[in-house]
Amino acid sequence: MNTMNMENKKVWFVTGASKGLGLALVKQLLQAGHRVAATSRNSESLINAVNFTGDRFLPLTVALGNDEQVATAIRQTHQTFGRIDVVVNNAGYGIGGSIEELTDQETRDSFEVNVFGMINVIRHALPILREQRAGHIINIASIAGIAPAIGWSVYGAAKHAVIGLSEVLADDVKSLGIKVTVIAPGAFRTNFLEADSLVLSEKKIDAYADIRASHERYSNMNGQQAGDPEKAAKVMIELSEMSEPPVYLLLGSDAYSRAFSKLDLLSSSYRQWEAITKSTDY
């Protein structure tokens, strides 16, 4: 491979890579000749899923909630490949149930991976990206971070957090030559709705029949989702090649329509209460 060619090849760090969007992305990257460090809670299942042998692939076992493990993984990636160009915070899982039904532990575990794990990765990647004065952080949120559905309050809260932190991060690092994109996908045909990617509250309270119905609708959709994970992975690679990538990106026509319904709702609701809102000024 000539050096000309190598210059277009980037070093990627991808979390939650043993399934779903993360796996689709890692496979496409390796096929295209990029160098990829990928994390999973279980590197054996990651190695089997990716099914690639060669020194362009660095599989790492990382519990993202463990700050030391994250720091080590970022350091190993940097030592192995000499740089890090794109960081994709993809690891996450769905959690359903009312606030009353979900235990403190179930709720905290969800934030541990969906929010704090992502923050740990960003915290340790930034010194490298700053020194390079280049890099792109891509955070995978969800349309639930913009317009969550009934029965997914904690998941909605975690994904709102991802959107909020990404938005500010983009401003914080812009002058340092680092780009940030937060992606809000709708439903994609991955194993997201299966037991290992989705936690439903152990406790079920009869009063919350509407929540059970919402969860039922989602599980019936498994395998029928509109989004193609291969196309989503392709979009992420395209993003990394843009000189001015968007800060926000919706993925999927369902995400698009849900986001615009939410926009209309906010706009009419803010206007409706304008008089009260302004009545509290001196």
Protein backbone atom coordinates (compact mmCIF):
# COMPACT_ATOMS: atom_id res chain seq x y z
CA MET A 1 0.00 0.00 0.00
CA ASN A 2 1.55 3.32 -1.00
CA THR A 3 1.87 6.18 1.48
CA MET A 4 -0.56 8.30 -0.53
CA ASN A 5 -3.19 5.72 0.22
CA MET A 6 -2.32 5.39 3.90
CA GLU A 7 -2.85 9.10 4.39
CA ASN A 8 -6.58 8.74 3.69
CA LYS A 9 -6.80 5.91 6.20
CA LYS A 10 -7.75 6.90 9.71
CA VAL A 11 -7.41 5.43 13.16
CA TRP A 12 -10.83 4.77 14.71
CA PHE A 13 -11.75 4.02 18.33
CA VAL A 14 -15.22 2.45 18.53
CA THR A 15 -17.06 1.40 21.71
CA GLY A 16 -19.77 -1.25 21.88
CA ALA A 17 -18.44 -2.93 18.78
CA SER A 18 -19.51 -6.56 19.18
CA LYS A 19 -23.01 -6.01 17.78
CA GLY A 20 -25.42 -3.58 16.16
CA LEU A 21 -24.28 -0.33 14.57
CA GLY A 22 -20.84 -0.63 16.17
CA LEU A 23 -20.19 -4.01 14.58
CA ALA A 24 -21.45 -2.91 11.16
CA LEU A 25 -19.13 0.13 11.38
CA VAL A 26 -16.01 -1.82 12.46
CA LYS A 27 -16.45 -4.37 9.67
CA GLN A 28 -16.82 -1.66 7.00
CA LEU A 29 -13.82 0.25 8.35
CA LEU A 30 -11.54 -2.78 8.30
CA GLN A 31 -12.72 -3.67 4.82
CA ALA A 32 -11.86 -0.14 3.66
CA GLY A 33 -8.32 -0.41 5.08
CA HIS A 34 -8.66 1.77 8.19
CA ARG A 35 -7.08 0.93 11.56
CA VAL A 36 -9.59 0.19 14.27
CA ALA A 37 -9.46 -0.17 18.03
CA ALA A 38 -12.78 -1.58 19.23
CA THR A 39 -14.12 -2.17 22.71
CA SER A 40 -16.58 -4.62 24.15
CA ARG A 41 -17.27 -6.03 27.61
CA ASN A 42 -16.16 -9.37 26.19
CA SER A 43 -13.32 -9.32 23.67
CA GLU A 44 -13.89 -12.95 22.72
CA SER A 45 -17.38 -12.25 21.36
CA LEU A 46 -15.96 -9.12 19.70
CA ILE A 47 -13.19 -11.07 17.94
CA ASN A 48 -15.67 -13.72 16.79
CA ALA A 49 -18.19 -11.14 15.56
CA VAL A 50 -15.64 -9.02 13.66
CA ASN A 51 -13.84 -12.08 12.28
CA PHE A 52 -10.74 -10.19 11.07
CA THR A 53 -7.11 -11.13 11.50
CA GLY A 54 -4.41 -8.57 10.97
CA ASP A 55 -2.60 -5.81 12.82
CA ARG A 56 -5.09 -3.14 11.75
CA PHE A 57 -7.58 -4.45 14.32
CA LEU A 58 -7.09 -3.97 18.06
CA PRO A 59 -9.85 -5.64 20.13
CA LEU A 60 -10.07 -4.39 23.72
CA THR A 61 -12.04 -5.63 26.73
CA VAL A 62 -13.35 -2.57 28.51
CA ALA A 63 -16.02 -1.92 31.12
CA LEU A 64 -16.76 1.67 30.13
CA GLY A 65 -17.88 2.63 33.62
CA ASN A 66 -14.36 1.83 34.84
CA ASP A 67 -12.31 4.97 34.30
CA GLU A 68 -8.94 3.20 34.59
CA GLN A 69 -9.88 0.58 32.00
CA VAL A 70 -10.99 3.34 29.62
CA ALA A 71 -7.74 5.27 30.15
CA THR A 72 -5.72 2.10 29.44
CA ALA A 73 -7.71 1.35 26.27
CA ILE A 74 -7.16 4.85 24.87
CA ARG A 75 -3.47 4.69 25.77
CA GLN A 76 -3.06 1.27 24.10
CA THR A 77 -4.78 2.54 20.95
CA HIS A 78 -2.49 5.56 20.80
CA GLN A 79 0.63 3.45 21.43
CA THR A 80 -0.38 0.87 18.81
CA PHE A 81 -1.41 3.20 16.00
CA GLY A 82 0.40 6.46 16.83
CA ARG A 83 -2.72 8.60 16.69
CA ILE A 84 -6.52 8.59 17.05
CA ASP A 85 -8.62 10.31 14.39
CA VAL A 86 -12.21 9.34 15.07
CA VAL A 87 -13.80 8.34 18.38
CA VAL A 88 -17.22 6.71 18.12
CA ASN A 89 -19.12 6.41 21.38
CA ASN A 90 -21.60 3.78 20.32
CA ALA A 91 -21.91 1.56 23.42
CA GLY A 92 -25.30 1.80 25.04
CA TYR A 93 -28.45 -0.14 25.77
CA GLY A 94 -32.16 0.52 26.11
CA ILE A 95 -33.91 0.54 29.45
CA GLY A 96 -37.68 0.49 29.83
CA GLY A 97 -40.06 0.85 32.74
CA SER A 98 -41.61 3.62 34.80
CA ILE A 99 -39.37 5.49 37.24
CA GLU A 100 -41.25 3.80 40.08
CA GLU A 101 -40.64 0.32 38.68
CA LEU A 102 -36.93 0.72 37.90
CA THR A 103 -34.64 0.26 40.89
CA ASP A 104 -31.88 2.67 41.83
CA GLN A 105 -29.37 0.07 40.60
CA GLU A 106 -31.04 -0.50 37.21
CA THR A 107 -31.21 3.25 36.69
CA ARG A 108 -27.60 3.91 37.70
CA ASP A 109 -26.30 1.01 35.59
CA SER A 110 -27.99 2.55 32.58
CA PHE A 111 -26.34 5.93 33.14
CA GLU A 112 -23.03 4.18 33.82
CA VAL A 113 -22.85 2.89 30.24
CA ASN A 114 -25.03 5.33 28.30
CA VAL A 115 -23.61 8.51 29.86
CA PHE A 116 -20.62 8.10 32.20
CA GLY A 117 -18.86 5.55 30.00
CA MET A 118 -19.07 8.00 27.11
CA ILE A 119 -17.76 10.84 29.28
CA ASN A 120 -14.82 8.65 30.40
CA VAL A 121 -13.87 7.94 26.78
CA ILE A 122 -14.08 11.61 25.81
CA ARG A 123 -12.09 12.74 28.84
CA HIS A 124 -9.20 10.40 27.99
CA ALA A 125 -9.30 10.92 24.23
CA LEU A 126 -9.25 14.73 24.34
CA PRO A 127 -5.60 15.25 25.37
CA ILE A 128 -4.53 13.20 22.31
CA LEU A 129 -6.92 14.98 19.94
CA ARG A 130 -5.87 18.38 21.34
CA GLU A 131 -2.22 17.63 20.79
CA GLN A 132 -2.98 16.54 17.21
CA ARG A 133 -5.16 19.64 16.77
CA ALA A 134 -7.44 17.29 14.84
CA GLY A 135 -10.00 14.62 15.47
CA HIS A 136 -13.71 13.89 15.32
CA ILE A 137 -15.88 12.66 18.20
CA ILE A 138 -19.10 10.96 17.11
CA ASN A 139 -21.59 10.27 19.90
CA ILE A 140 -24.51 7.94 19.26
CA ALA A 141 -27.58 9.23 21.10
CA SER A 142 -31.09 8.23 20.02
CA ILE A 143 -34.25 9.88 18.80
CA ALA A 144 -35.33 9.13 22.40
CA GLY A 145 -32.95 11.92 23.41
CA ILE A 146 -35.16 14.36 21.48
CA ALA A 147 -38.61 12.76 21.53
CA PRO A 148 -38.79 9.83 23.98
CA ALA A 149 -41.80 7.50 24.03
CA ILE A 150 -43.97 6.49 26.98
CA GLY A 151 -42.29 3.86 29.16
CA TRP A 152 -38.70 4.92 28.41
CA SER A 153 -38.12 7.76 30.89
CA VAL A 154 -34.65 6.74 32.12
CA TYR A 155 -33.47 5.90 28.60
CA GLY A 156 -34.80 9.26 27.40
CA ALA A 157 -33.00 10.98 30.27
CA ALA A 158 -29.68 9.27 29.46
CA LYS A 159 -29.93 10.10 25.76
CA HIS A 160 -30.97 13.71 26.48
CA ALA A 161 -27.77 13.89 28.52
CA VAL A 162 -25.73 12.63 25.56
CA ILE A 163 -27.23 15.30 23.30
CA GLY A 164 -26.71 18.06 25.86
CA LEU A 165 -23.08 17.19 26.52
CA SER A 166 -22.30 16.77 22.80
CA GLU A 167 -23.78 20.15 21.95
CA VAL A 168 -21.59 21.95 24.47
CA LEU A 169 -18.54 19.79 23.75
CA ALA A 170 -18.76 20.85 20.09
CA ASP A 171 -18.41 24.51 21.19
CA ASP A 172 -15.73 23.75 23.78
CA VAL A 173 -13.37 22.05 21.33
CA LYS A 174 -14.11 23.85 18.08
CA SER A 175 -11.15 26.22 18.38
CA LEU A 176 -8.86 23.23 19.06
CA GLY A 177 -9.50 21.73 15.62
CA ILE A 178 -11.74 18.95 16.99
CA LYS A 179 -15.16 18.21 15.51
CA VAL A 180 -18.16 16.74 17.29
CA THR A 181 -21.28 15.11 15.86
CA VAL A 182 -24.15 13.67 17.86
CA ILE A 183 -26.26 11.15 15.98
CA ALA A 184 -29.88 10.47 16.91
CA PRO A 185 -30.94 7.25 15.16
CA GLY A 186 -34.48 5.95 15.00
CA ALA A 187 -35.16 2.22 14.93
CA PHE A 188 -32.52 0.16 13.12
CA ARG A 189 -32.64 -3.54 12.35
CA THR A 190 -30.00 -4.57 14.89
CA ASN A 191 -30.36 -6.72 18.01
CA PHE A 192 -31.18 -3.59 20.05
CA LEU A 193 -34.61 -4.97 20.98
CA GLU A 194 -33.20 -8.30 22.17
CA ALA A 195 -32.54 -9.20 25.78
CA ASP A 196 -28.81 -8.44 25.82
CA SER A 197 -29.31 -4.88 24.52
CA LEU A 198 -32.54 -4.04 26.29
CA VAL A 199 -33.34 -4.09 29.99
CA LEU A 200 -36.96 -3.95 31.13
CA SER A 201 -37.74 -3.32 34.80
CA GLU A 202 -37.88 -6.54 36.85
CA LYS A 203 -40.71 -5.01 38.82
CA LYS A 204 -44.02 -4.55 36.98
CA ILE A 205 -46.85 -2.53 38.54
CA ASP A 206 -50.36 -3.20 37.18
CA ALA A 207 -51.28 0.47 37.11
CA TYR A 208 -48.82 1.08 34.25
CA ALA A 209 -50.77 -0.75 31.52
CA ASP A 210 -49.88 1.93 28.94
CA ILE A 211 -46.18 1.30 29.52
CA ARG A 212 -46.59 -2.46 29.01
CA ALA A 213 -48.43 -1.72 25.75
CA SER A 214 -45.60 0.57 24.59
CA HIS A 215 -42.99 -2.10 25.35
CA GLU A 216 -45.11 -4.68 23.52
CA ARG A 217 -45.22 -2.43 20.43
CA TYR A 218 -41.43 -2.15 20.45
CA SER A 219 -40.79 -5.88 20.85
CA ASN A 220 -43.24 -6.63 18.01
CA MET A 221 -41.19 -4.33 15.80
CA ASN A 222 -38.03 -6.42 16.23
CA GLY A 223 -36.75 -7.46 12.80
CA GLN A 224 -39.14 -5.02 11.09
CA GLN A 225 -37.27 -1.78 11.89
CA ALA A 226 -36.96 0.67 8.99
CA GLY A 227 -33.26 1.47 9.47
CA ASP A 228 -30.45 -0.41 7.73
CA PRO A 229 -27.34 -0.64 10.01
CA GLU A 230 -25.00 -1.02 7.00
CA LYS A 231 -26.24 2.29 5.59
CA ALA A 232 -25.84 3.94 9.00
CA ALA A 233 -22.22 2.74 9.19
CA LYS A 234 -21.57 4.12 5.71
CA VAL A 235 -22.94 7.51 6.81
CA MET A 236 -20.58 7.57 9.83
CA ILE A 237 -17.61 6.98 7.54
CA GLU A 238 -18.83 9.79 5.24
CA LEU A 239 -19.13 12.11 8.27
CA SER A 240 -15.47 11.51 9.13
CA GLU A 241 -14.47 12.73 5.68
CA MET A 242 -16.41 16.02 5.82
CA SER A 243 -14.49 19.20 6.49
CA GLU A 244 -17.58 20.71 8.20
CA PRO A 245 -19.62 17.81 9.62
CA PRO A 246 -22.97 18.60 11.27
CA VAL A 247 -23.19 18.82 15.06
CA TYR A 248 -26.63 17.16 14.92
CA LEU A 249 -27.62 14.32 12.63
CA LEU A 250 -30.88 12.39 12.65
CA LEU A 251 -30.74 8.91 11.10
CA GLY A 252 -33.87 7.26 9.74
CA SER A 253 -37.17 8.61 8.45
CA ASP A 254 -38.84 7.70 11.76
CA ALA A 255 -36.29 9.82 13.65
CA TYR A 256 -36.95 12.68 11.22
CA SER A 257 -40.71 12.69 11.75
CA ARG A 258 -40.44 12.27 15.54
CA ALA A 259 -37.94 15.14 15.78
CA PHE A 260 -40.20 17.49 13.82
CA SER A 261 -43.30 16.57 15.88
CA LYS A 262 -41.27 17.46 18.96
CA LEU A 263 -40.14 20.75 17.41
CA ASP A 264 -43.76 21.70 16.68
CA LEU A 265 -44.82 20.70 20.17
CA LEU A 266 -42.12 22.84 21.83
CA SER A 267 -42.77 25.79 19.62
CA SER A 268 -46.55 25.82 20.23
CA SER A 269 -46.16 25.10 23.92
CA TYR A 270 -43.60 27.89 24.47
CA ARG A 271 -45.85 30.37 22.64
CA GLN A 272 -49.01 29.30 24.43
CA TRP A 273 -47.51 30.20 27.81
CA GLU A 274 -45.61 33.30 26.70
CA ALA A 275 -47.63 35.66 28.92
CA ILE A 276 -46.88 33.67 32.10
CA THR A 277 -43.26 33.16 31.05
CA LYS A 278 -42.66 36.90 30.71
CA SER A 279 -44.76 37.81 33.76
CA THR A 280 -41.91 36.90 36.12
CA ASP A 281 -39.53 39.64 34.93
CA TYR A 282 -38.97 42.72 37.12
